[in-house]
Amino acid sequence: ALGLARASRRPVAVVTTSGTAAANLHPAVLEAAHA
């Protein structure tokens, strides 16, 4: 999702279930925020 959003310059959603599934998005969320 991060790569698609970076390339398109459009919002891209990544959809997960709860708990640790969501926690696994943290590295990509951090990179997106910084960039």
Full PDB file with SEQRES, HELIX, SHEET, SSBOND, CRYST1, ORIGX, SCALE, CONECT and MASTER records, all heavy atoms in Angstrom:
SEQRES   1 A   35  ALA LEU GLY LEU ALA ARG ALA SER ARG ARG PRO VAL ALA          
SEQRES   2 A   35  VAL VAL THR THR SER GLY THR ALA ALA ALA ASN LEU HIS          
SEQRES   3 A   35  PRO ALA VAL LEU GLU ALA ALA HIS ALA                          
HELIX    1 AA1 LEU A    2  SER A    8  1                                   7    
HELIX    2 AA2 THR A   20  ALA A   23  1                                   4    
HELIX    3 AA3 HIS A   26  HIS A   34  1                                   9    
CRYST1    1.000    1.000    1.000  90.00  90.00  90.00 P 1           1          
ORIGX1      1.000000  0.000000  0.000000        0.00000                         
ORIGX2      0.000000  1.000000  0.000000        0.00000                         
ORIGX3      0.000000  0.000000  1.000000        0.00000                         
SCALE1      1.000000  0.000000  0.000000        0.00000                         
SCALE2      0.000000  1.000000  0.000000        0.00000                         
SCALE3      0.000000  0.000000  1.000000        0.00000                         
ATOM      1  N   ALA A   1       0.833  -1.206   0.000  1.00  0.00           N  
ATOM      2  CA  ALA A   1       0.000   0.000   0.000  1.00  0.00           C  
ATOM      3  C   ALA A   1       0.869   1.259   0.000  1.00  0.00           C  
ATOM      4  O   ALA A   1       0.567   2.223  -0.709  1.00  0.00           O  
ATOM      5  CB  ALA A   1      -0.944  -0.016   1.200  1.00  0.00           C  
ATOM      6  N   LEU A   2       1.931   1.246   0.775  1.00  0.00           N  
ATOM      7  CA  LEU A   2       2.856   2.381   0.814  1.00  0.00           C  
ATOM      8  C   LEU A   2       3.450   2.638  -0.566  1.00  0.00           C  
ATOM      9  O   LEU A   2       3.488   3.782  -1.037  1.00  0.00           O  
ATOM     10  CB  LEU A   2       3.964   2.125   1.835  1.00  0.00           C  
ATOM     11  CG  LEU A   2       5.066   3.170   1.926  1.00  0.00           C  
ATOM     12  CD1 LEU A   2       4.535   4.502   2.422  1.00  0.00           C  
ATOM     13  CD2 LEU A   2       6.180   2.663   2.846  1.00  0.00           C  
ATOM     14  N   GLY A   3       3.892   1.592  -1.237  1.00  0.00           N  
ATOM     15  CA  GLY A   3       4.464   1.739  -2.573  1.00  0.00           C  
ATOM     16  C   GLY A   3       3.452   2.247  -3.589  1.00  0.00           C  
ATOM     17  O   GLY A   3       3.761   3.115  -4.416  1.00  0.00           O  
ATOM     18  N   LEU A   4       2.238   1.718  -3.521  1.00  0.00           N  
ATOM     19  CA  LEU A   4       1.190   2.172  -4.438  1.00  0.00           C  
ATOM     20  C   LEU A   4       0.862   3.641  -4.203  1.00  0.00           C  
ATOM     21  O   LEU A   4       0.678   4.414  -5.156  1.00  0.00           O  
ATOM     22  CB  LEU A   4      -0.075   1.321  -4.271  1.00  0.00           C  
ATOM     23  CG  LEU A   4       0.012  -0.128  -4.740  1.00  0.00           C  
ATOM     24  CD1 LEU A   4      -1.194  -0.924  -4.230  1.00  0.00           C  
ATOM     25  CD2 LEU A   4       0.100  -0.194  -6.263  1.00  0.00           C  
ATOM     26  N   ALA A   5       0.781   4.044  -2.939  1.00  0.00           N  
ATOM     27  CA  ALA A   5       0.477   5.435  -2.615  1.00  0.00           C  
ATOM     28  C   ALA A   5       1.613   6.367  -3.034  1.00  0.00           C  
ATOM     29  O   ALA A   5       1.378   7.454  -3.558  1.00  0.00           O  
ATOM     30  CB  ALA A   5       0.189   5.579  -1.123  1.00  0.00           C  
ATOM     31  N   ARG A   6       2.838   5.928  -2.816  1.00  0.00           N  
ATOM     32  CA  ARG A   6       3.992   6.751  -3.192  1.00  0.00           C  
ATOM     33  C   ARG A   6       4.042   6.944  -4.701  1.00  0.00           C  
ATOM     34  O   ARG A   6       4.245   8.045  -5.195  1.00  0.00           O  
ATOM     35  CB  ARG A   6       5.289   6.114  -2.712  1.00  0.00           C  
ATOM     36  CG  ARG A   6       6.524   6.968  -3.014  1.00  0.00           C  
ATOM     37  CD  ARG A   6       7.811   6.256  -2.618  1.00  0.00           C  
ATOM     38  NE  ARG A   6       7.813   5.861  -1.243  1.00  0.00           N  
ATOM     39  CZ  ARG A   6       8.472   6.494  -0.272  1.00  0.00           C  
ATOM     40  NH1 ARG A   6       9.173   7.566  -0.537  1.00  0.00           N  
ATOM     41  NH2 ARG A   6       8.439   6.040   0.961  1.00  0.00           N  
ATOM     42  N   ALA A   7       3.811   5.863  -5.452  1.00  0.00           N  
ATOM     43  CA  ALA A   7       3.883   5.938  -6.908  1.00  0.00           C  
ATOM     44  C   ALA A   7       2.732   6.737  -7.512  1.00  0.00           C  
ATOM     45  O   ALA A   7       2.928   7.490  -8.468  1.00  0.00           O  
ATOM     46  CB  ALA A   7       3.906   4.531  -7.503  1.00  0.00           C  
ATOM     47  N   SER A   8       1.546   6.588  -6.953  1.00  0.00           N  
ATOM     48  CA  SER A   8       0.366   7.246  -7.529  1.00  0.00           C  
ATOM     49  C   SER A   8       0.114   8.637  -6.958  1.00  0.00           C  
ATOM     50  O   SER A   8      -0.638   9.415  -7.545  1.00  0.00           O  
ATOM     51  CB  SER A   8      -0.884   6.395  -7.282  1.00  0.00           C  
ATOM     52  OG  SER A   8      -1.215   6.374  -5.903  1.00  0.00           O  
ATOM     53  N   ARG A   9       0.731   8.912  -5.800  1.00  0.00           N  
ATOM     54  CA  ARG A   9       0.483  10.167  -5.066  1.00  0.00           C  
ATOM     55  C   ARG A   9      -0.995  10.327  -4.708  1.00  0.00           C  
ATOM     56  O   ARG A   9      -1.510  11.420  -4.612  1.00  0.00           O  
ATOM     57  CB  ARG A   9       0.995  11.369  -5.850  1.00  0.00           C  
ATOM     58  CG  ARG A   9       2.479  11.348  -6.053  1.00  0.00           C  
ATOM     59  CD  ARG A   9       2.989  12.656  -6.584  1.00  0.00           C  
ATOM     60  NE  ARG A   9       4.433  12.644  -6.563  1.00  0.00           N  
ATOM     61  CZ  ARG A   9       5.177  12.825  -7.630  1.00  0.00           C  
ATOM     62  NH1 ARG A   9       4.623  13.030  -8.797  1.00  0.00           N  
ATOM     63  NH2 ARG A   9       6.473  12.829  -7.525  1.00  0.00           N  
ATOM     64  N   ARG A  10      -1.661   9.191  -4.547  1.00  0.00           N  
ATOM     65  CA  ARG A  10      -3.071   9.161  -4.161  1.00  0.00           C  
ATOM     66  C   ARG A  10      -3.179   8.333  -2.885  1.00  0.00           C  
ATOM     67  O   ARG A  10      -2.342   7.474  -2.626  1.00  0.00           O  
ATOM     68  CB  ARG A  10      -3.914   8.508  -5.262  1.00  0.00           C  
ATOM     69  CG  ARG A  10      -3.842   9.232  -6.594  1.00  0.00           C  
ATOM     70  CD  ARG A  10      -4.612   8.490  -7.670  1.00  0.00           C  
ATOM     71  NE  ARG A  10      -6.045   8.493  -7.439  1.00  0.00           N  
ATOM     72  CZ  ARG A  10      -6.855   9.496  -7.775  1.00  0.00           C  
ATOM     73  NH1 ARG A  10      -6.371  10.562  -8.345  1.00  0.00           N  
ATOM     74  NH2 ARG A  10      -8.144   9.403  -7.560  1.00  0.00           N  
ATOM     75  N   PRO A  11      -4.221   8.561  -2.100  1.00  0.00           N  
ATOM     76  CA  PRO A  11      -4.389   7.733  -0.905  1.00  0.00           C  
ATOM     77  C   PRO A  11      -4.662   6.278  -1.279  1.00  0.00           C  
ATOM     78  O   PRO A  11      -5.394   5.999  -2.231  1.00  0.00           O  
ATOM     79  CB  PRO A  11      -5.604   8.356  -0.203  1.00  0.00           C  
ATOM     80  CG  PRO A  11      -6.305   9.162  -1.230  1.00  0.00           C  
ATOM     81  CD  PRO A  11      -5.283   9.546  -2.259  1.00  0.00           C  
ATOM     82  N   VAL A  12      -4.045   5.390  -0.546  1.00  0.00           N  
ATOM     83  CA  VAL A  12      -4.263   3.950  -0.699  1.00  0.00           C  
ATOM     84  C   VAL A  12      -4.589   3.399   0.681  1.00  0.00           C  
ATOM     85  O   VAL A  12      -3.895   3.698   1.651  1.00  0.00           O  
ATOM     86  CB  VAL A  12      -3.027   3.240  -1.291  1.00  0.00           C  
ATOM     87  CG1 VAL A  12      -3.215   1.726  -1.302  1.00  0.00           C  
ATOM     88  CG2 VAL A  12      -2.741   3.747  -2.708  1.00  0.00           C  
ATOM     89  N   ALA A  13      -5.642   2.609   0.749  1.00  0.00           N  
ATOM     90  CA  ALA A  13      -6.038   2.002   2.024  1.00  0.00           C  
ATOM     91  C   ALA A  13      -5.419   0.623   2.157  1.00  0.00           C  
ATOM     92  O   ALA A  13      -5.317  -0.121   1.186  1.00  0.00           O  
ATOM     93  CB  ALA A  13      -7.563   1.883   2.102  1.00  0.00           C  
ATOM     94  N   VAL A  14      -5.016   0.301   3.377  1.00  0.00           N  
ATOM     95  CA  VAL A  14      -4.635  -1.060   3.717  1.00  0.00           C  
ATOM     96  C   VAL A  14      -5.603  -1.486   4.806  1.00  0.00           C  
ATOM     97  O   VAL A  14      -5.752  -0.806   5.818  1.00  0.00           O  
ATOM     98  CB  VAL A  14      -3.146  -1.183   4.119  1.00  0.00           C  
ATOM     99  CG1 VAL A  14      -2.775  -0.266   5.260  1.00  0.00           C  
ATOM    100  CG2 VAL A  14      -2.778  -2.629   4.427  1.00  0.00           C  
ATOM    101  N   VAL A  15      -6.304  -2.589   4.577  1.00  0.00           N  
ATOM    102  CA  VAL A  15      -7.407  -3.024   5.430  1.00  0.00           C  
ATOM    103  C   VAL A  15      -7.033  -4.329   6.118  1.00  0.00           C  
ATOM    104  O   VAL A  15      -6.686  -5.313   5.450  1.00  0.00           O  
ATOM    105  CB  VAL A  15      -8.696  -3.206   4.585  1.00  0.00           C  
ATOM    106  CG1 VAL A  15      -9.856  -3.668   5.461  1.00  0.00           C  
ATOM    107  CG2 VAL A  15      -9.047  -1.929   3.838  1.00  0.00           C  
ATOM    108  N   THR A  16      -7.100  -4.322   7.460  1.00  0.00           N  
ATOM    109  CA  THR A  16      -6.760  -5.527   8.223  1.00  0.00           C  
ATOM    110  C   THR A  16      -7.835  -5.808   9.267  1.00  0.00           C  
ATOM    111  O   THR A  16      -8.737  -5.009   9.488  1.00  0.00           O  
ATOM    112  CB  THR A  16      -5.419  -5.378   8.972  1.00  0.00           C  
ATOM    113  OG1 THR A  16      -5.573  -4.448  10.037  1.00  0.00           O  
ATOM    114  CG2 THR A  16      -4.302  -4.968   8.058  1.00  0.00           C  
ATOM    115  N   THR A  17      -7.658  -6.926   9.926  1.00  0.00           N  
ATOM    116  CA  THR A  17      -8.479  -7.248  11.081  1.00  0.00           C  
ATOM    117  C   THR A  17      -7.851  -6.576  12.299  1.00  0.00           C  
ATOM    118  O   THR A  17      -7.058  -5.655  12.162  1.00  0.00           O  
ATOM    119  CB  THR A  17      -8.600  -8.773  11.274  1.00  0.00           C  
ATOM    120  OG1 THR A  17      -7.290  -9.303  11.454  1.00  0.00           O  
ATOM    121  CG2 THR A  17      -9.251  -9.437  10.093  1.00  0.00           C  
ATOM    122  N   SER A  18      -8.155  -7.054  13.479  1.00  0.00           N  
ATOM    123  CA  SER A  18      -7.753  -6.384  14.710  1.00  0.00           C  
ATOM    124  C   SER A  18      -6.466  -6.943  15.307  1.00  0.00           C  
ATOM    125  O   SER A  18      -5.896  -7.910  14.814  1.00  0.00           O  
ATOM    126  CB  SER A  18      -8.886  -6.498  15.730  1.00  0.00           C  
ATOM    127  OG  SER A  18      -9.175  -7.853  15.981  1.00  0.00           O  
ATOM    128  N   GLY A  19      -6.048  -6.301  16.392  1.00  0.00           N  
ATOM    129  CA  GLY A  19      -4.945  -6.798  17.206  1.00  0.00           C  
ATOM    130  C   GLY A  19      -3.597  -6.780  16.540  1.00  0.00           C  
ATOM    131  O   GLY A  19      -3.175  -5.775  15.993  1.00  0.00           O  
ATOM    132  N   THR A  20      -2.905  -7.904  16.586  1.00  0.00           N  
ATOM    133  CA  THR A  20      -1.556  -7.958  16.035  1.00  0.00           C  
ATOM    134  C   THR A  20      -1.558  -7.774  14.522  1.00  0.00           C  
ATOM    135  O   THR A  20      -0.552  -7.346  13.958  1.00  0.00           O  
ATOM    136  CB  THR A  20      -0.855  -9.285  16.395  1.00  0.00           C  
ATOM    137  OG1 THR A  20      -1.638 -10.373  15.926  1.00  0.00           O  
ATOM    138  CG2 THR A  20      -0.653  -9.400  17.899  1.00  0.00           C  
ATOM    139  N   ALA A  21      -2.669  -8.059  13.861  1.00  0.00           N  
ATOM    140  CA  ALA A  21      -2.753  -7.799  12.420  1.00  0.00           C  
ATOM    141  C   ALA A  21      -2.530  -6.312  12.163  1.00  0.00           C  
ATOM    142  O   ALA A  21      -1.744  -5.930  11.291  1.00  0.00           O  
ATOM    143  CB  ALA A  21      -4.111  -8.241  11.880  1.00  0.00           C  
ATOM    144  N   ALA A  22      -3.190  -5.475  12.942  1.00  0.00           N  
ATOM    145  CA  ALA A  22      -3.027  -4.028  12.797  1.00  0.00           C  
ATOM    146  C   ALA A  22      -1.620  -3.594  13.197  1.00  0.00           C  
ATOM    147  O   ALA A  22      -1.021  -2.728  12.554  1.00  0.00           O  
ATOM    148  CB  ALA A  22      -4.073  -3.308  13.636  1.00  0.00           C  
ATOM    149  N   ALA A  23      -1.076  -4.187  14.238  1.00  0.00           N  
ATOM    150  CA  ALA A  23       0.264  -3.824  14.705  1.00  0.00           C  
ATOM    151  C   ALA A  23       1.324  -4.073  13.640  1.00  0.00           C  
ATOM    152  O   ALA A  23       2.323  -3.345  13.570  1.00  0.00           O  
ATOM    153  CB  ALA A  23       0.598  -4.595  15.977  1.00  0.00           C  
ATOM    154  N   ASN A  24       1.116  -5.037  12.784  1.00  0.00           N  
ATOM    155  CA  ASN A  24       2.070  -5.330  11.722  1.00  0.00           C  
ATOM    156  C   ASN A  24       2.138  -4.240  10.654  1.00  0.00           C  
ATOM    157  O   ASN A  24       3.046  -4.225   9.842  1.00  0.00           O  
ATOM    158  CB  ASN A  24       1.740  -6.680  11.066  1.00  0.00           C  
ATOM    159  CG  ASN A  24       2.304  -7.818  11.856  1.00  0.00           C  
ATOM    160  OD1 ASN A  24       3.519  -7.953  11.984  1.00  0.00           O  
ATOM    161  ND2 ASN A  24       1.435  -8.628  12.421  1.00  0.00           N  
ATOM    162  N   LEU A  25       1.197  -3.306  10.672  1.00  0.00           N  
ATOM    163  CA  LEU A  25       1.221  -2.171   9.741  1.00  0.00           C  
ATOM    164  C   LEU A  25       2.132  -1.052  10.225  1.00  0.00           C  
ATOM    165  O   LEU A  25       2.448  -0.132   9.469  1.00  0.00           O  
ATOM    166  CB  LEU A  25      -0.194  -1.602   9.553  1.00  0.00           C  
ATOM    167  CG  LEU A  25      -1.249  -2.524   8.974  1.00  0.00           C  
ATOM    168  CD1 LEU A  25      -2.571  -1.778   8.879  1.00  0.00           C  
ATOM    169  CD2 LEU A  25      -0.825  -3.055   7.614  1.00  0.00           C  
ATOM    170  N   HIS A  26       2.546  -1.105  11.481  1.00  0.00           N  
ATOM    171  CA  HIS A  26       3.267   0.012  12.082  1.00  0.00           C  
ATOM    172  C   HIS A  26       4.488   0.473  11.288  1.00  0.00           C  
ATOM    173  O   HIS A  26       4.647   1.689  11.082  1.00  0.00           O  
ATOM    174  CB  HIS A  26       3.630  -0.321  13.522  1.00  0.00           C  
ATOM    175  CG  HIS A  26       3.873   0.896  14.351  1.00  0.00           C  
ATOM    176  ND1 HIS A  26       4.946   1.005  15.193  1.00  0.00           N  
ATOM    177  CD2 HIS A  26       3.192   2.067  14.455  1.00  0.00           C  
ATOM    178  CE1 HIS A  26       4.915   2.184  15.786  1.00  0.00           C  
ATOM    179  NE2 HIS A  26       3.861   2.844  15.355  1.00  0.00           N  
ATOM    180  N   PRO A  27       5.364  -0.414  10.814  1.00  0.00           N  
ATOM    181  CA  PRO A  27       6.518   0.075  10.048  1.00  0.00           C  
ATOM    182  C   PRO A  27       6.115   0.862   8.794  1.00  0.00           C  
ATOM    183  O   PRO A  27       6.692   1.914   8.510  1.00  0.00           O  
ATOM    184  CB  PRO A  27       7.275  -1.213   9.671  1.00  0.00           C  
ATOM    185  CG  PRO A  27       6.862  -2.202  10.705  1.00  0.00           C  
ATOM    186  CD  PRO A  27       5.429  -1.872  11.027  1.00  0.00           C  
ATOM    187  N   ALA A  28       5.131   0.391   8.067  1.00  0.00           N  
ATOM    188  CA  ALA A  28       4.690   1.098   6.860  1.00  0.00           C  
ATOM    189  C   ALA A  28       4.020   2.422   7.218  1.00  0.00           C  
ATOM    190  O   ALA A  28       4.207   3.426   6.524  1.00  0.00           O  
ATOM    191  CB  ALA A  28       3.745   0.226   6.042  1.00  0.00           C  
ATOM    192  N   VAL A  29       3.253   2.442   8.304  1.00  0.00           N  
ATOM    193  CA  VAL A  29       2.609   3.682   8.747  1.00  0.00           C  
ATOM    194  C   VAL A  29       3.669   4.718   9.124  1.00  0.00           C  
ATOM    195  O   VAL A  29       3.563   5.898   8.772  1.00  0.00           O  
ATOM    196  CB  VAL A  29       1.643   3.413   9.928  1.00  0.00           C  
ATOM    197  CG1 VAL A  29       1.183   4.707  10.576  1.00  0.00           C  
ATOM    198  CG2 VAL A  29       0.450   2.590   9.457  1.00  0.00           C  
ATOM    199  N   LEU A  30       4.713   4.289   9.820  1.00  0.00           N  
ATOM    200  CA  LEU A  30       5.800   5.204  10.182  1.00  0.00           C  
ATOM    201  C   LEU A  30       6.483   5.764   8.940  1.00  0.00           C  
ATOM    202  O   LEU A  30       6.723   6.968   8.847  1.00  0.00           O  
ATOM    203  CB  LEU A  30       6.831   4.499  11.066  1.00  0.00           C  
ATOM    204  CG  LEU A  30       6.423   4.222  12.501  1.00  0.00           C  
ATOM    205  CD1 LEU A  30       7.472   3.355  13.193  1.00  0.00           C  
ATOM    206  CD2 LEU A  30       6.200   5.513  13.252  1.00  0.00           C  
ATOM    207  N   GLU A  31       6.812   4.898   7.993  1.00  0.00           N  
ATOM    208  CA  GLU A  31       7.465   5.369   6.770  1.00  0.00           C  
ATOM    209  C   GLU A  31       6.581   6.339   6.009  1.00  0.00           C  
ATOM    210  O   GLU A  31       7.049   7.355   5.497  1.00  0.00           O  
ATOM    211  CB  GLU A  31       7.872   4.192   5.887  1.00  0.00           C  
ATOM    212  CG  GLU A  31       9.057   3.447   6.443  1.00  0.00           C  
ATOM    213  CD  GLU A  31       9.773   2.597   5.411  1.00  0.00           C  
ATOM    214  OE1 GLU A  31       9.712   2.922   4.201  1.00  0.00           O  
ATOM    215  OE2 GLU A  31      10.391   1.614   5.831  1.00  0.00           O  
ATOM    216  N   ALA A  32       5.288   6.034   5.918  1.00  0.00           N  
ATOM    217  CA  ALA A  32       4.353   6.929   5.230  1.00  0.00           C  
ATOM    218  C   ALA A  32       4.301   8.289   5.920  1.00  0.00           C  
ATOM    219  O   ALA A  32       4.318   9.333   5.252  1.00  0.00           O  
ATOM    220  CB  ALA A  32       2.965   6.293   5.171  1.00  0.00           C  
ATOM    221  N   ALA A  33       4.249   8.279   7.236  1.00  0.00           N  
ATOM    222  CA  ALA A  33       4.171   9.538   7.985  1.00  0.00           C  
ATOM    223  C   ALA A  33       5.417  10.386   7.747  1.00  0.00           C  
ATOM    224  O   ALA A  33       5.315  11.592   7.506  1.00  0.00           O  
ATOM    225  CB  ALA A  33       3.994   9.252   9.477  1.00  0.00           C  
ATOM    226  N   HIS A  34       6.586   9.774   7.799  1.00  0.00           N  
ATOM    227  CA  HIS A  34       7.836  10.518   7.624  1.00  0.00           C  
ATOM    228  C   HIS A  34       7.998  11.038   6.200  1.00  0.00           C  
ATOM    229  O   HIS A  34       8.600  12.090   5.989  1.00  0.00           O  
ATOM    230  CB  HIS A  34       9.034   9.654   8.010  1.00  0.00           C  
ATOM    231  CG  HIS A  34       9.083   9.346   9.472  1.00  0.00           C  
ATOM    232  ND1 HIS A  34       9.094  10.309  10.459  1.00  0.00           N  
ATOM    233  CD2 HIS A  34       9.099   8.166  10.125  1.00  0.00           C  
ATOM    234  CE1 HIS A  34       9.123   9.747  11.646  1.00  0.00           C  
ATOM    235  NE2 HIS A  34       9.127   8.432  11.470  1.00  0.00           N  
ATOM    236  N   ALA A  35       7.459  10.319   5.229  1.00  0.00           N  
ATOM    237  CA  ALA A  35       7.612  10.702   3.821  1.00  0.00           C  
ATOM    238  C   ALA A  35       6.427  11.507   3.290  1.00  0.00           C  
ATOM    239  O   ALA A  35       6.434  11.929   2.136  1.00  0.00           O  
ATOM    240  CB  ALA A  35       7.807   9.442   2.970  1.00  0.00           C  
TER     241      ALA A  35                                                      
MASTER        0    0    0    3    0    0    0    6  240    1    0    3          
END                                                                             
